[in-house]
Amino acid sequence: MRKRNVMCCGLLGLVVAAPFAFAEEQASISRLPPLPQPLDPILQDMFDKRRAMGGAIINLNLTTGHAPKFTRASGAMALTIRFETSTPRRLIELVIFRTAQIVGSDYELNQHTPMMKMCGYGNEQIAEVADWRRSTFFDDKQRALLGYVEQMANGGNVDDPTFAELSRFFTPQQIIEISYTVGSYYSTGLLTKALKIQLETDGRLTVPGEC
């Protein structure tokens, strides 16, 4: 009888410990606790659509999901930026990457380095994005773009010569698209730092799409 009690207690211990182990693993994703289960219907629908588009549910989603409506809105903006601009995707990725560098978001850099490569940027060119002024890897259009990103993301005081140079290459619609991209990824970059959202080490990427 005593042996049976010991065995039952042992099995119960495994059953009880499993959820706590899972919760502990999920908690390491960021400063916030795991998402409540079952998922909010807004999140479930969003996650299902992301998977259908070929993307994974990344740590950013698993953290901001505590505010489902905000997650849905920010997710819609991210998809608009990557898939619905008149500005070529290759240039949009350059804007995202430089903005992430300026705000110091290792999380966004980890997510978007593969997308930079998908858009045709080589390792050497990616390594010189932060030093683009002295680099020979960027053409005049990219340099005009980077000059604008640099000033906007460092306080927003864009001088007239920098804006005039940007306007040589981009339409008013594209300038708005570029500006929203800087603002969106700057704020997301701050969020990833403040909440200490951990990098994905298992290859999970948000919806990459095509360049």
N, C-alpha and C. Protein backbone atom coordinates (compact mmCIF):
# COMPACT_ATOMS: atom_id res chain seq x y z
N MET A 1 0.84 -1.20 0.00
CA MET A 1 0.00 0.00 0.00
C MET A 1 0.88 1.25 0.00
N ARG A 2 1.93 1.22 0.80
CA ARG A 2 2.83 2.38 0.90
C ARG A 2 3.54 2.61 -0.43
N LYS A 3 3.95 1.50 -1.11
CA LYS A 3 4.62 1.61 -2.38
C LYS A 3 3.70 2.25 -3.42
N ARG A 4 2.39 1.86 -3.40
CA ARG A 4 1.42 2.40 -4.34
C ARG A 4 1.24 3.91 -4.11
N ASN A 5 1.21 4.32 -2.82
CA ASN A 5 1.05 5.74 -2.51
C ASN A 5 2.24 6.55 -3.03
N VAL A 6 3.42 5.97 -2.85
CA VAL A 6 4.64 6.65 -3.31
C VAL A 6 4.60 6.83 -4.82
N MET A 7 4.16 5.76 -5.54
CA MET A 7 4.08 5.81 -7.00
C MET A 7 3.07 6.86 -7.45
N CYS A 8 1.90 6.90 -6.80
CA CYS A 8 0.87 7.88 -7.15
C CYS A 8 1.36 9.30 -6.95
N CYS A 9 2.05 9.49 -5.80
CA CYS A 9 2.58 10.83 -5.51
C CYS A 9 3.60 11.24 -6.55
N GLY A 10 4.42 10.26 -6.99
CA GLY A 10 5.43 10.56 -7.99
C GLY A 10 4.80 10.97 -9.31
N LEU A 11 3.76 10.25 -9.75
CA LEU A 11 3.07 10.59 -11.00
C LEU A 11 2.40 11.95 -10.90
N LEU A 12 1.78 12.21 -9.75
CA LEU A 12 1.14 13.50 -9.53
C LEU A 12 2.15 14.62 -9.62
N GLY A 13 3.34 14.36 -9.08
CA GLY A 13 4.39 15.36 -9.13
C GLY A 13 4.77 15.71 -10.56
N LEU A 14 4.82 14.69 -11.44
CA LEU A 14 5.14 14.94 -12.84
C LEU A 14 4.06 15.76 -13.51
N VAL A 15 2.79 15.43 -13.23
CA VAL A 15 1.67 16.14 -13.84
C VAL A 15 1.67 17.60 -13.42
N VAL A 16 1.91 17.83 -12.13
CA VAL A 16 1.88 19.20 -11.61
C VAL A 16 3.07 19.99 -12.09
N ALA A 17 4.24 19.32 -12.18
CA ALA A 17 5.47 20.03 -12.52
C ALA A 17 5.49 20.47 -13.97
N ALA A 18 4.85 19.69 -14.86
CA ALA A 18 4.92 19.98 -16.28
C ALA A 18 4.45 21.38 -16.64
N PRO A 19 3.25 21.81 -16.17
CA PRO A 19 2.82 23.17 -16.51
C PRO A 19 3.75 24.24 -15.99
N PHE A 20 4.31 24.02 -14.80
CA PHE A 20 5.23 25.01 -14.25
C PHE A 20 6.50 25.08 -15.07
N ALA A 21 6.98 23.92 -15.55
CA ALA A 21 8.17 23.91 -16.39
C ALA A 21 7.90 24.65 -17.69
N PHE A 22 6.72 24.41 -18.28
CA PHE A 22 6.34 25.08 -19.52
C PHE A 22 6.24 26.58 -19.28
N ALA A 23 5.60 26.97 -18.19
CA ALA A 23 5.44 28.39 -17.88
C ALA A 23 6.79 29.07 -17.70
N GLU A 24 7.70 28.36 -17.06
CA GLU A 24 9.03 28.93 -16.83
C GLU A 24 9.76 29.14 -18.15
N GLU A 25 9.61 28.16 -19.07
CA GLU A 25 10.24 28.28 -20.37
C GLU A 25 9.66 29.46 -21.15
N GLN A 26 8.33 29.61 -21.12
CA GLN A 26 7.69 30.70 -21.82
C GLN A 26 8.04 32.04 -21.21
N ALA A 27 8.18 32.07 -19.89
CA ALA A 27 8.48 33.33 -19.21
C ALA A 27 9.83 33.87 -19.64
N SER A 28 10.74 33.00 -20.10
CA SER A 28 12.07 33.44 -20.49
C SER A 28 12.05 34.19 -21.82
N ILE A 29 10.92 34.21 -22.49
CA ILE A 29 10.80 34.92 -23.77
C ILE A 29 10.93 36.43 -23.57
N SER A 30 10.42 36.93 -22.44
CA SER A 30 10.47 38.36 -22.16
C SER A 30 10.26 38.58 -20.66
N ARG A 31 10.09 39.82 -20.28
CA ARG A 31 9.82 40.15 -18.88
C ARG A 31 8.39 39.79 -18.46
N LEU A 32 7.52 39.56 -19.43
CA LEU A 32 6.11 39.29 -19.14
C LEU A 32 5.85 37.80 -18.99
N PRO A 33 4.76 37.45 -18.30
CA PRO A 33 4.42 36.03 -18.14
C PRO A 33 3.90 35.45 -19.45
N PRO A 34 3.69 34.13 -19.50
CA PRO A 34 3.14 33.50 -20.71
C PRO A 34 1.74 34.04 -21.01
N LEU A 35 1.33 33.92 -22.27
CA LEU A 35 -0.02 34.34 -22.65
C LEU A 35 -1.05 33.44 -21.98
N PRO A 36 -2.17 34.01 -21.55
CA PRO A 36 -3.24 33.19 -20.96
C PRO A 36 -3.76 32.18 -21.98
N GLN A 37 -4.13 31.03 -21.49
CA GLN A 37 -4.72 29.98 -22.32
C GLN A 37 -6.16 29.75 -21.90
N PRO A 38 -7.09 29.47 -22.83
CA PRO A 38 -6.86 29.48 -24.29
C PRO A 38 -6.60 30.88 -24.81
N LEU A 39 -6.02 30.95 -26.00
CA LEU A 39 -5.70 32.25 -26.58
C LEU A 39 -6.95 33.08 -26.85
N ASP A 40 -6.78 34.38 -26.72
CA ASP A 40 -7.83 35.30 -27.12
C ASP A 40 -8.17 35.03 -28.59
N PRO A 41 -9.46 35.06 -28.99
CA PRO A 41 -9.84 34.79 -30.38
C PRO A 41 -9.13 35.68 -31.40
N ILE A 42 -8.85 36.93 -31.02
CA ILE A 42 -8.13 37.83 -31.93
C ILE A 42 -6.74 37.27 -32.22
N LEU A 43 -6.07 36.80 -31.17
CA LEU A 43 -4.72 36.24 -31.33
C LEU A 43 -4.76 34.95 -32.12
N GLN A 44 -5.73 34.10 -31.79
CA GLN A 44 -5.81 32.80 -32.47
C GLN A 44 -5.98 33.01 -33.97
N ASP A 45 -6.85 33.94 -34.33
CA ASP A 45 -7.08 34.23 -35.75
C ASP A 45 -5.82 34.80 -36.39
N MET A 46 -5.16 35.70 -35.69
CA MET A 46 -3.93 36.31 -36.21
C MET A 46 -2.84 35.27 -36.39
N PHE A 47 -2.66 34.41 -35.39
CA PHE A 47 -1.62 33.39 -35.46
C PHE A 47 -1.89 32.39 -36.58
N ASP A 48 -3.16 32.02 -36.74
CA ASP A 48 -3.53 31.10 -37.82
C ASP A 48 -3.19 31.70 -39.19
N LYS A 49 -3.49 32.98 -39.36
CA LYS A 49 -3.22 33.64 -40.63
C LYS A 49 -1.72 33.76 -40.88
N ARG A 50 -0.95 34.05 -39.81
CA ARG A 50 0.50 34.14 -39.96
C ARG A 50 1.09 32.81 -40.43
N ARG A 51 0.64 31.74 -39.83
CA ARG A 51 1.14 30.41 -40.23
C ARG A 51 0.75 30.11 -41.67
N ALA A 52 -0.47 30.49 -42.06
CA ALA A 52 -0.93 30.24 -43.43
C ALA A 52 -0.10 31.03 -44.44
N MET A 53 0.47 32.16 -44.01
CA MET A 53 1.30 32.97 -44.89
C MET A 53 2.76 32.53 -44.89
N GLY A 54 3.06 31.47 -44.13
CA GLY A 54 4.42 30.95 -44.10
C GLY A 54 5.29 31.49 -43.00
N GLY A 55 4.69 32.24 -42.08
CA GLY A 55 5.46 32.80 -40.97
C GLY A 55 5.29 32.00 -39.70
N ALA A 56 6.20 32.19 -38.78
CA ALA A 56 6.12 31.55 -37.48
C ALA A 56 5.58 32.56 -36.46
N ILE A 57 5.16 32.04 -35.32
CA ILE A 57 4.75 32.92 -34.22
C ILE A 57 6.00 33.23 -33.42
N ILE A 58 6.45 34.47 -33.53
CA ILE A 58 7.73 34.84 -32.94
C ILE A 58 7.54 35.42 -31.53
N ASN A 59 8.65 35.60 -30.84
CA ASN A 59 8.59 36.06 -29.45
C ASN A 59 7.95 37.43 -29.30
N LEU A 60 8.07 38.27 -30.33
CA LEU A 60 7.40 39.57 -30.29
C LEU A 60 5.89 39.38 -30.18
N ASN A 61 5.32 38.48 -30.99
CA ASN A 61 3.89 38.19 -30.94
C ASN A 61 3.49 37.61 -29.59
N LEU A 62 4.34 36.71 -29.08
CA LEU A 62 4.03 36.02 -27.82
C LEU A 62 4.12 36.95 -26.62
N THR A 63 4.78 38.10 -26.81
CA THR A 63 4.87 39.09 -25.74
C THR A 63 3.77 40.14 -25.86
N THR A 64 3.64 40.75 -27.03
CA THR A 64 2.65 41.81 -27.20
C THR A 64 1.22 41.26 -27.22
N GLY A 65 1.09 39.93 -27.35
CA GLY A 65 -0.23 39.30 -27.36
C GLY A 65 -1.04 39.54 -26.10
N HIS A 66 -0.42 40.04 -25.05
CA HIS A 66 -1.17 40.39 -23.84
C HIS A 66 -2.15 41.54 -24.12
N ALA A 67 -1.93 42.28 -25.19
CA ALA A 67 -2.87 43.33 -25.62
C ALA A 67 -3.26 42.98 -27.06
N PRO A 68 -4.21 42.06 -27.24
CA PRO A 68 -4.51 41.51 -28.57
C PRO A 68 -4.84 42.56 -29.63
N LYS A 69 -5.61 43.58 -29.29
CA LYS A 69 -5.99 44.57 -30.30
C LYS A 69 -4.79 45.37 -30.76
N PHE A 70 -3.89 45.67 -29.84
CA PHE A 70 -2.67 46.37 -30.22
C PHE A 70 -1.78 45.48 -31.09
N THR A 71 -1.71 44.21 -30.75
CA THR A 71 -0.91 43.27 -31.53
C THR A 71 -1.46 43.15 -32.95
N ARG A 72 -2.77 43.08 -33.07
CA ARG A 72 -3.40 43.00 -34.39
C ARG A 72 -3.11 44.26 -35.20
N ALA A 73 -3.22 45.42 -34.55
CA ALA A 73 -2.98 46.69 -35.27
C ALA A 73 -1.53 46.82 -35.70
N SER A 74 -0.61 46.52 -34.79
CA SER A 74 0.81 46.64 -35.14
C SER A 74 1.21 45.60 -36.18
N GLY A 75 0.60 44.42 -36.10
CA GLY A 75 0.87 43.39 -37.10
C GLY A 75 0.40 43.80 -38.48
N ALA A 76 -0.75 44.45 -38.53
CA ALA A 76 -1.27 44.94 -39.82
C ALA A 76 -0.34 45.99 -40.41
N MET A 77 0.20 46.86 -39.56
CA MET A 77 1.14 47.87 -40.03
C MET A 77 2.42 47.22 -40.57
N ALA A 78 2.92 46.22 -39.86
CA ALA A 78 4.14 45.54 -40.30
C ALA A 78 3.95 44.89 -41.66
N LEU A 79 2.79 44.25 -41.87
CA LEU A 79 2.52 43.61 -43.15
C LEU A 79 2.33 44.64 -44.26
N THR A 80 1.70 45.77 -43.92
CA THR A 80 1.54 46.85 -44.90
C THR A 80 2.90 47.38 -45.33
N ILE A 81 3.79 47.57 -44.37
CA ILE A 81 5.13 48.07 -44.66
C ILE A 81 5.90 47.11 -45.57
N ARG A 82 5.77 45.83 -45.32
CA ARG A 82 6.57 44.86 -46.08
C ARG A 82 5.94 44.47 -47.41
N PHE A 83 4.62 44.59 -47.55
CA PHE A 83 3.97 44.05 -48.74
C PHE A 83 3.13 45.03 -49.55
N GLU A 84 2.87 46.23 -49.05
CA GLU A 84 1.91 47.09 -49.73
C GLU A 84 2.43 48.50 -50.01
N THR A 85 3.74 48.64 -50.12
CA THR A 85 4.31 49.96 -50.40
C THR A 85 4.64 50.10 -51.89
N SER A 86 4.62 51.34 -52.38
CA SER A 86 5.12 51.58 -53.73
C SER A 86 6.65 51.67 -53.71
N THR A 87 7.21 51.93 -52.54
CA THR A 87 8.66 51.89 -52.37
C THR A 87 9.11 50.43 -52.49
N PRO A 88 10.11 50.14 -53.30
CA PRO A 88 10.57 48.76 -53.46
C PRO A 88 10.92 48.11 -52.12
N ARG A 89 10.55 46.85 -51.98
CA ARG A 89 10.79 46.11 -50.74
C ARG A 89 12.27 46.14 -50.35
N ARG A 90 13.14 46.07 -51.34
CA ARG A 90 14.58 46.06 -51.06
C ARG A 90 14.99 47.32 -50.30
N LEU A 91 14.41 48.46 -50.66
CA LEU A 91 14.72 49.71 -49.96
C LEU A 91 14.03 49.79 -48.61
N ILE A 92 12.83 49.24 -48.52
CA ILE A 92 12.12 49.20 -47.24
C ILE A 92 12.93 48.41 -46.22
N GLU A 93 13.49 47.30 -46.63
CA GLU A 93 14.30 46.50 -45.71
C GLU A 93 15.53 47.27 -45.24
N LEU A 94 16.09 48.06 -46.12
CA LEU A 94 17.25 48.88 -45.74
C LEU A 94 16.84 49.91 -44.68
N VAL A 95 15.66 50.50 -44.85
CA VAL A 95 15.13 51.44 -43.86
C VAL A 95 14.93 50.75 -42.52
N ILE A 96 14.31 49.57 -42.53
CA ILE A 96 14.05 48.82 -41.30
C ILE A 96 15.36 48.49 -40.60
N PHE A 97 16.32 48.00 -41.36
CA PHE A 97 17.59 47.56 -40.78
C PHE A 97 18.36 48.72 -40.15
N ARG A 98 18.44 49.84 -40.87
CA ARG A 98 19.18 50.99 -40.31
C ARG A 98 18.46 51.55 -39.09
N THR A 99 17.14 51.59 -39.13
CA THR A 99 16.38 52.07 -37.98
C THR A 99 16.64 51.18 -36.77
N ALA A 100 16.64 49.87 -36.97
CA ALA A 100 16.90 48.93 -35.88
C ALA A 100 18.30 49.13 -35.31
N GLN A 101 19.25 49.43 -36.17
CA GLN A 101 20.61 49.70 -35.70
C GLN A 101 20.65 50.94 -34.82
N ILE A 102 19.99 52.00 -35.28
CA ILE A 102 20.03 53.27 -34.55
C ILE A 102 19.37 53.14 -33.18
N VAL A 103 18.23 52.45 -33.12
CA VAL A 103 17.54 52.29 -31.83
C VAL A 103 18.23 51.23 -30.97
N GLY A 104 19.08 50.42 -31.57
CA GLY A 104 19.82 49.40 -30.81
C GLY A 104 18.99 48.17 -30.50
N SER A 105 18.12 47.78 -31.43
CA SER A 105 17.26 46.62 -31.21
C SER A 105 17.88 45.37 -31.82
N ASP A 106 18.59 44.60 -31.00
CA ASP A 106 19.16 43.34 -31.47
C ASP A 106 18.07 42.40 -31.95
N TYR A 107 16.89 42.51 -31.34
CA TYR A 107 15.79 41.64 -31.72
C TYR A 107 15.39 41.88 -33.18
N GLU A 108 15.16 43.13 -33.55
CA GLU A 108 14.76 43.43 -34.92
C GLU A 108 15.89 43.13 -35.91
N LEU A 109 17.11 43.36 -35.51
CA LEU A 109 18.24 43.05 -36.38
C LEU A 109 18.31 41.55 -36.64
N ASN A 110 18.03 40.76 -35.62
CA ASN A 110 18.04 39.31 -35.76
C ASN A 110 16.95 38.85 -36.72
N GLN A 111 15.78 39.48 -36.65
CA GLN A 111 14.68 39.12 -37.54
C GLN A 111 14.92 39.58 -38.98
N HIS A 112 15.52 40.75 -39.14
CA HIS A 112 15.58 41.33 -40.48
C HIS A 112 16.90 41.11 -41.22
N THR A 113 17.92 40.59 -40.56
CA THR A 113 19.13 40.23 -41.30
C THR A 113 18.84 39.19 -42.38
N PRO A 114 18.09 38.12 -42.08
CA PRO A 114 17.74 37.17 -43.15
C PRO A 114 16.93 37.82 -44.28
N MET A 115 16.09 38.81 -43.94
CA MET A 115 15.31 39.47 -44.97
C MET A 115 16.18 40.38 -45.83
N MET A 116 17.19 40.99 -45.22
CA MET A 116 18.16 41.76 -45.99
C MET A 116 18.85 40.86 -47.02
N LYS A 117 19.24 39.68 -46.58
CA LYS A 117 19.90 38.74 -47.49
C LYS A 117 18.94 38.27 -48.57
N MET A 118 17.68 38.05 -48.19
CA MET A 118 16.66 37.66 -49.17
C MET A 118 16.51 38.74 -50.25
N CYS A 119 16.72 40.00 -49.85
CA CYS A 119 16.58 41.12 -50.79
C CYS A 119 17.87 41.43 -51.53
N GLY A 120 18.85 40.57 -51.41
CA GLY A 120 20.05 40.69 -52.24
C GLY A 120 21.22 41.41 -51.63
N TYR A 121 21.14 41.79 -50.37
CA TYR A 121 22.29 42.43 -49.72
C TYR A 121 23.26 41.35 -49.26
N GLY A 122 24.53 41.52 -49.62
CA GLY A 122 25.55 40.56 -49.20
C GLY A 122 26.04 40.85 -47.80
N ASN A 123 26.79 39.91 -47.26
CA ASN A 123 27.30 40.07 -45.89
C ASN A 123 28.16 41.32 -45.73
N GLU A 124 28.99 41.62 -46.73
CA GLU A 124 29.86 42.80 -46.63
C GLU A 124 29.03 44.08 -46.65
N GLN A 125 28.02 44.11 -47.50
CA GLN A 125 27.18 45.30 -47.57
C GLN A 125 26.39 45.49 -46.28
N ILE A 126 25.86 44.40 -45.75
CA ILE A 126 25.12 44.48 -44.47
C ILE A 126 26.04 44.98 -43.37
N ALA A 127 27.27 44.53 -43.37
CA ALA A 127 28.23 44.93 -42.34
C ALA A 127 28.56 46.41 -42.40
N GLU A 128 28.33 47.04 -43.56
CA GLU A 128 28.69 48.45 -43.72
C GLU A 128 27.49 49.40 -43.71
N VAL A 129 26.30 48.87 -43.39
CA VAL A 129 25.12 49.74 -43.36
C VAL A 129 25.31 50.88 -42.36
N ALA A 130 25.84 50.57 -41.19
CA ALA A 130 26.02 51.61 -40.16
C ALA A 130 27.06 52.64 -40.58
N ASP A 131 27.97 52.26 -41.47
CA ASP A 131 29.05 53.14 -41.91
C ASP A 131 28.84 53.51 -43.39
N TRP A 132 27.59 53.69 -43.77
CA TRP A 132 27.24 53.87 -45.18
C TRP A 132 27.87 55.10 -45.81
N ARG A 133 28.15 56.13 -45.01
CA ARG A 133 28.72 57.35 -45.59
C ARG A 133 30.10 57.10 -46.19
N ARG A 134 30.88 56.23 -45.57
CA ARG A 134 32.22 55.94 -46.07
C ARG A 134 32.27 54.70 -46.96
N SER A 135 31.15 53.99 -47.03
CA SER A 135 31.11 52.75 -47.79
C SER A 135 30.95 53.02 -49.29
N THR A 136 31.43 52.10 -50.10
CA THR A 136 31.26 52.18 -51.55
C THR A 136 30.16 51.23 -52.04
N PHE A 137 29.44 50.60 -51.12
CA PHE A 137 28.45 49.60 -51.46
C PHE A 137 27.06 50.18 -51.77
N PHE A 138 26.88 51.48 -51.56
CA PHE A 138 25.54 52.07 -51.68
C PHE A 138 25.50 53.13 -52.77
N ASP A 139 24.43 53.07 -53.61
CA ASP A 139 24.30 54.04 -54.69
C ASP A 139 23.68 55.34 -54.17
N ASP A 140 23.51 56.31 -55.06
CA ASP A 140 23.03 57.63 -54.64
C ASP A 140 21.63 57.56 -54.04
N LYS A 141 20.77 56.73 -54.60
CA LYS A 141 19.41 56.61 -54.09
C LYS A 141 19.40 56.02 -52.69
N GLN A 142 20.19 54.99 -52.46
CA GLN A 142 20.28 54.38 -51.14
C GLN A 142 20.89 55.35 -50.13
N ARG A 143 21.84 56.14 -50.56
CA ARG A 143 22.49 57.09 -49.67
C ARG A 143 21.53 58.22 -49.29
N ALA A 144 20.71 58.66 -50.25
CA ALA A 144 19.70 59.67 -49.94
C ALA A 144 18.70 59.12 -48.92
N LEU A 145 18.35 57.86 -49.10
CA LEU A 145 17.42 57.19 -48.19
C LEU A 145 18.02 57.07 -46.79
N LEU A 146 19.24 56.60 -46.73
CA LEU A 146 19.91 56.40 -45.43
C LEU A 146 20.15 57.73 -44.71
N GLY A 147 20.43 58.77 -45.47
CA GLY A 147 20.62 60.09 -44.85
C GLY A 147 19.34 60.56 -44.16
N TYR A 148 18.22 60.32 -44.81
CA TYR A 148 16.93 60.71 -44.21
C TYR A 148 16.61 59.86 -42.98
N VAL A 149 16.81 58.55 -43.10
CA VAL A 149 16.56 57.64 -41.96
C VAL A 149 17.41 58.05 -40.77
N GLU A 150 18.67 58.35 -41.05
CA GLU A 150 19.61 58.72 -39.99
C GLU A 150 19.11 59.93 -39.19
N GLN A 151 18.68 60.95 -39.89
CA GLN A 151 18.25 62.17 -39.20
C GLN A 151 16.88 61.99 -38.54
N MET A 152 15.98 61.31 -39.21
CA MET A 152 14.65 61.11 -38.62
C MET A 152 14.74 60.28 -37.35
N ALA A 153 15.54 59.21 -37.40
CA ALA A 153 15.62 58.29 -36.25
C ALA A 153 16.51 58.84 -35.13
N ASN A 154 17.20 59.93 -35.39
CA ASN A 154 18.04 60.55 -34.35
C ASN A 154 17.45 61.88 -33.92
N GLY A 155 16.14 61.91 -33.70
CA GLY A 155 15.50 63.11 -33.17
C GLY A 155 14.47 63.72 -34.09
N GLY A 156 14.48 63.34 -35.37
CA GLY A 156 13.46 63.81 -36.28
C GLY A 156 13.72 65.15 -36.94
N ASN A 157 14.84 65.81 -36.62
CA ASN A 157 15.13 67.12 -37.21
C ASN A 157 15.87 66.93 -38.53
N VAL A 158 15.10 66.72 -39.58
CA VAL A 158 15.67 66.50 -40.91
C VAL A 158 15.94 67.85 -41.56
N ASP A 159 17.20 68.10 -41.93
CA ASP A 159 17.53 69.40 -42.53
C ASP A 159 17.08 69.45 -43.99
N ASP A 160 17.03 70.66 -44.53
CA ASP A 160 16.51 70.88 -45.89
C ASP A 160 17.34 70.16 -46.96
N PRO A 161 18.67 70.21 -46.91
CA PRO A 161 19.45 69.52 -47.94
C PRO A 161 19.19 68.01 -47.95
N THR A 162 19.05 67.41 -46.77
CA THR A 162 18.80 65.97 -46.70
C THR A 162 17.43 65.64 -47.28
N PHE A 163 16.44 66.47 -46.96
CA PHE A 163 15.10 66.23 -47.48
C PHE A 163 15.05 66.46 -49.00
N ALA A 164 15.76 67.47 -49.46
CA ALA A 164 15.79 67.75 -50.90
C ALA A 164 16.42 66.58 -51.66
N GLU A 165 17.45 66.00 -51.10
CA GLU A 165 18.10 64.85 -51.73
C GLU A 165 17.17 63.65 -51.76
N LEU A 166 16.44 63.43 -50.67
CA LEU A 166 15.46 62.34 -50.63
C LEU A 166 14.39 62.56 -51.71
N SER A 167 13.95 63.80 -51.86
CA SER A 167 12.87 64.13 -52.80
C SER A 167 13.29 63.97 -54.26
N ARG A 168 14.58 63.92 -54.51
CA ARG A 168 15.06 63.68 -55.88
C ARG A 168 14.71 62.28 -56.35
N PHE A 169 14.65 61.34 -55.41
CA PHE A 169 14.51 59.94 -55.78
C PHE A 169 13.16 59.33 -55.42
N PHE A 170 12.42 59.97 -54.51
CA PHE A 170 11.19 59.36 -54.00
C PHE A 170 10.01 60.29 -54.14
N THR A 171 8.84 59.72 -54.44
CA THR A 171 7.60 60.48 -54.56
C THR A 171 7.08 60.86 -53.17
N PRO A 172 6.14 61.80 -53.08
CA PRO A 172 5.55 62.11 -51.78
C PRO A 172 4.95 60.87 -51.10
N GLN A 173 4.29 60.01 -51.87
CA GLN A 173 3.73 58.79 -51.28
C GLN A 173 4.84 57.93 -50.68
N GLN A 174 5.92 57.79 -51.41
CA GLN A 174 7.02 56.96 -50.91
C GLN A 174 7.69 57.57 -49.69
N ILE A 175 7.77 58.88 -49.65
CA ILE A 175 8.35 59.55 -48.47
C ILE A 175 7.50 59.28 -47.24
N ILE A 176 6.18 59.27 -47.40
CA ILE A 176 5.30 58.92 -46.28
C ILE A 176 5.52 57.47 -45.87
N GLU A 177 5.62 56.58 -46.85
CA GLU A 177 5.85 55.16 -46.55
C GLU A 177 7.16 54.97 -45.79
N ILE A 178 8.19 55.64 -46.25
CA ILE A 178 9.51 55.54 -45.59
C ILE A 178 9.43 56.10 -44.17
N SER A 179 8.75 57.22 -44.01
CA SER A 179 8.65 57.86 -42.70
C SER A 179 7.88 56.99 -41.71
N TYR A 180 6.78 56.39 -42.16
CA TYR A 180 6.03 55.49 -41.30
C TYR A 180 6.87 54.27 -40.93
N THR A 181 7.67 53.80 -41.86
CA THR A 181 8.52 52.64 -41.59
C THR A 181 9.54 52.95 -40.49
N VAL A 182 10.17 54.11 -40.60
CA VAL A 182 11.12 54.52 -39.56
C VAL A 182 10.41 54.61 -38.20
N GLY A 183 9.28 55.32 -38.17
CA GLY A 183 8.56 55.50 -36.90
C GLY A 183 8.08 54.19 -36.31
N SER A 184 7.56 53.32 -37.15
CA SER A 184 7.02 52.04 -36.67
C SER A 184 8.11 51.15 -36.09
N TYR A 185 9.22 51.03 -36.82
CA TYR A 185 10.27 50.13 -36.35
C TYR A 185 11.11 50.75 -35.24
N TYR A 186 11.13 52.08 -35.15
CA TYR A 186 11.79 52.70 -34.00
C TYR A 186 11.02 52.37 -32.73
N SER A 187 9.69 52.53 -32.77
CA SER A 187 8.89 52.27 -31.58
C SER A 187 8.92 50.78 -31.22
N THR A 188 8.87 49.92 -32.22
CA THR A 188 8.94 48.48 -31.94
C THR A 188 10.30 48.12 -31.36
N GLY A 189 11.34 48.76 -31.88
CA GLY A 189 12.68 48.51 -31.35
C GLY A 189 12.79 48.88 -29.88
N LEU A 190 12.21 50.02 -29.50
CA LEU A 190 12.21 50.42 -28.09
C LEU A 190 11.45 49.41 -27.24
N LEU A 191 10.33 48.94 -27.77
CA LEU A 191 9.51 47.96 -27.05
C LEU A 191 10.29 46.67 -26.81
N THR A 192 11.00 46.20 -27.83
CA THR A 192 11.76 44.94 -27.66
C THR A 192 12.84 45.08 -26.60
N LYS A 193 13.40 46.29 -26.47
CA LYS A 193 14.44 46.51 -25.47
C LYS A 193 13.84 46.63 -24.07
N ALA A 194 12.76 47.43 -23.95
CA ALA A 194 12.15 47.67 -22.64
C ALA A 194 11.61 46.38 -22.02
N LEU A 195 11.03 45.52 -22.86
CA LEU A 195 10.44 44.26 -22.35
C LEU A 195 11.42 43.09 -22.40
N LYS A 196 12.65 43.37 -22.85
CA LYS A 196 13.70 42.35 -22.93
C LYS A 196 13.22 41.10 -23.67
N ILE A 197 12.65 41.34 -24.85
CA ILE A 197 12.19 40.22 -25.67
C ILE A 197 13.41 39.49 -26.21
N GLN A 198 13.46 38.19 -25.99
CA GLN A 198 14.62 37.39 -26.33
C GLN A 198 14.66 37.02 -27.81
N LEU A 199 15.86 36.91 -28.35
CA LEU A 199 16.04 36.51 -29.74
C LEU A 199 15.56 35.08 -29.94
N GLU A 200 15.00 34.82 -31.11
CA GLU A 200 14.67 33.44 -31.47
C GLU A 200 15.96 32.72 -31.85
N THR A 201 16.22 31.61 -31.21
CA THR A 201 17.43 30.83 -31.51
C THR A 201 17.10 29.55 -32.28
N ASP A 202 15.83 29.41 -32.67
CA ASP A 202 15.40 28.19 -33.34
C ASP A 202 15.00 28.42 -34.79
N GLY A 203 15.38 29.58 -35.33
CA GLY A 203 15.11 29.85 -36.74
C GLY A 203 13.73 30.42 -37.04
N ARG A 204 12.92 30.69 -36.01
CA ARG A 204 11.59 31.24 -36.26
C ARG A 204 11.68 32.65 -36.85
N LEU A 205 10.96 32.88 -37.94
CA LEU A 205 10.92 34.19 -38.57
C LEU A 205 9.47 34.60 -38.80
N THR A 206 9.23 35.92 -38.71
CA THR A 206 7.93 36.43 -39.08
C THR A 206 7.73 36.23 -40.58
N VAL A 207 6.57 36.56 -41.10
CA VAL A 207 6.27 36.32 -42.51
C VAL A 207 7.31 37.01 -43.39
N PRO A 208 8.15 36.26 -44.10
CA PRO A 208 9.20 36.88 -44.90
C PRO A 208 8.72 37.46 -46.21
N GLY A 209 7.76 36.79 -46.85
CA GLY A 209 7.30 37.25 -48.16
C GLY A 209 8.41 37.12 -49.19
N GLU A 210 8.34 37.97 -50.22
CA GLU A 210 9.35 37.97 -51.28
C GLU A 210 9.86 39.39 -51.48
N CYS A 211 11.07 39.50 -51.98
CA CYS A 211 11.66 40.80 -52.20
C CYS A 211 11.48 41.21 -53.66
